[in-house]
């Protein structure tokens, strides 16, 4: 619902630090009636920055462990791997930014792995905004 997450114990707004790896105990959060939580990460280098948001739908039961790791990066290619301990986990990747078309991950020249695999490989030279 757009409301900030608050800690159950103190009702303070949750603030996450600046770190390469963050861990959030969802049981410690006091959530609204909307069973979703949005996390936005901002990466900045000098004056440039990019943001990405992931929305998690919360359900009763154990919380699945999810991770995204950068496998490799070069001037022409970047690769990420998603993992989860949930047996029925599925992955759907999305890339957003200026000059990037909505369906760019379905283009095999840009992403040979596509948008629905555990591993995402992106050929950066095929991206019109970077070419």
Foldseek 3Di string as FASTA:
>chain_A
DPDAKAFPVPRHGDDWDDDPDDDDDVVRTDDDPQQKDKDKDWDDDDPDIDIDIDIDGDDPDDDKDKDKDWPDDDPFKTKIFIDIPDPPDKFFDFDDDPQADGLNQVPCVQWVVGGIDRMTMGGRVPRVVRD
